[in-house]
Protein backbone atom coordinates (compact mmCIF):
# COMPACT_ATOMS: atom_id res chain seq x y z
CA MET A 1 -159.65 6.36 25.87
CA LYS A 2 -158.81 8.72 23.05
CA ASN A 3 -155.55 10.36 24.94
CA MET A 4 -154.18 7.27 25.86
CA LYS A 5 -153.82 6.40 22.24
CA SER A 6 -152.31 9.28 21.50
CA GLU A 7 -149.71 8.49 24.24
CA VAL A 8 -149.39 5.04 23.13
CA PHE A 9 -149.19 5.49 19.12
CA SER A 10 -146.81 9.00 20.13
CA TRP A 11 -144.66 6.39 21.86
CA LEU A 12 -144.08 3.74 18.99
CA LYS A 13 -143.62 6.58 16.53
CA ALA A 14 -140.32 7.31 19.27
CA ILE A 15 -139.31 3.54 19.61
CA LEU A 16 -139.88 3.04 15.31
CA PHE A 17 -137.59 6.18 14.81
CA ALA A 18 -134.90 5.04 17.64
CA LEU A 19 -135.23 1.11 16.31
CA MET A 20 -134.77 3.30 12.54
CA ILE A 21 -131.53 5.17 13.58
CA VAL A 22 -130.06 2.58 15.21
CA PHE A 23 -130.22 -0.02 12.44
CA ILE A 24 -128.83 3.12 9.91
CA CYS A 25 -125.60 3.17 12.27
CA GLN A 26 -125.18 -0.14 12.52
CA GLN A 27 -125.21 -0.95 8.44
CA PHE A 28 -122.90 2.35 7.58
CA LEU A 29 -121.34 4.01 10.64
CA PHE A 30 -120.53 0.90 13.47
CA THR A 31 -120.90 -2.34 13.75
CA PRO A 32 -120.54 -4.74 16.75
CA VAL A 33 -117.59 -7.24 16.61
CA THR A 34 -117.02 -10.30 18.98
CA VAL A 35 -113.18 -11.32 18.78
CA LYS A 36 -112.65 -14.61 18.53
CA GLY A 37 -108.99 -16.35 19.01
CA GLU A 38 -106.11 -15.57 20.65
CA SER A 39 -104.19 -14.24 18.41
CA MET A 40 -104.35 -10.59 19.45
CA GLU A 41 -103.62 -11.30 22.63
CA PRO A 42 -102.90 -8.99 25.52
CA THR A 43 -104.60 -5.71 23.18
CA TYR A 44 -107.76 -7.97 22.69
CA GLU A 45 -108.47 -11.57 24.59
CA ASN A 46 -111.03 -13.88 23.17
CA ASP A 47 -115.09 -12.77 23.39
CA ASP A 48 -113.79 -9.40 24.06
CA ARG A 49 -116.84 -7.13 22.21
CA ILE A 50 -116.07 -4.20 19.87
CA VAL A 51 -117.14 -1.51 18.09
CA VAL A 52 -115.91 -0.54 14.74
CA ALA A 53 -116.27 2.41 12.91
CA LYS A 54 -116.88 1.85 9.15
CA ILE A 55 -115.66 5.41 8.18
CA GLY A 56 -112.43 6.88 8.33
CA LYS A 57 -109.54 5.82 6.39
CA PRO A 58 -106.65 3.19 8.20
CA GLU A 59 -104.04 5.26 10.42
CA ARG A 60 -100.58 3.49 11.56
CA PHE A 61 -101.33 1.13 14.44
CA ASP A 62 -104.68 1.19 13.93
CA MET A 63 -106.44 -2.13 14.18
CA VAL A 64 -108.41 -3.34 11.08
CA VAL A 65 -111.47 -5.42 10.70
CA PHE A 66 -111.72 -7.07 7.65
CA TYR A 67 -113.78 -9.87 5.90
CA ALA A 68 -111.57 -13.43 4.94
CA PRO A 69 -113.42 -14.64 1.82
CA ASP A 70 -111.37 -17.75 2.48
CA ALA A 71 -112.44 -18.41 6.04
CA GLU A 72 -115.70 -17.30 5.47
CA GLU A 73 -115.54 -15.14 8.26
CA ASN A 74 -113.93 -11.43 9.91
CA TYR A 75 -110.27 -11.22 10.66
CA ILE A 76 -108.91 -8.24 12.94
CA LYS A 77 -105.10 -7.20 12.60
CA GLY A 78 -103.27 -4.66 14.22
């Protein structure tokens, strides 16, 4: 019984550690974004899901996702 509790505790620690890494990566490195609208067709279509890097400088021909304060939503432009 003690061996099973140790096994369960070990799994819980591993799962919590993995969730913490996912949370940190999503907050500071990458974030998922869903495209809404047809303004970026044919590159991105409505309801496409993309992962956006939050680090690095944009270069020519990069797609950029930015927050639009007047519309309270994110825009994607290329």
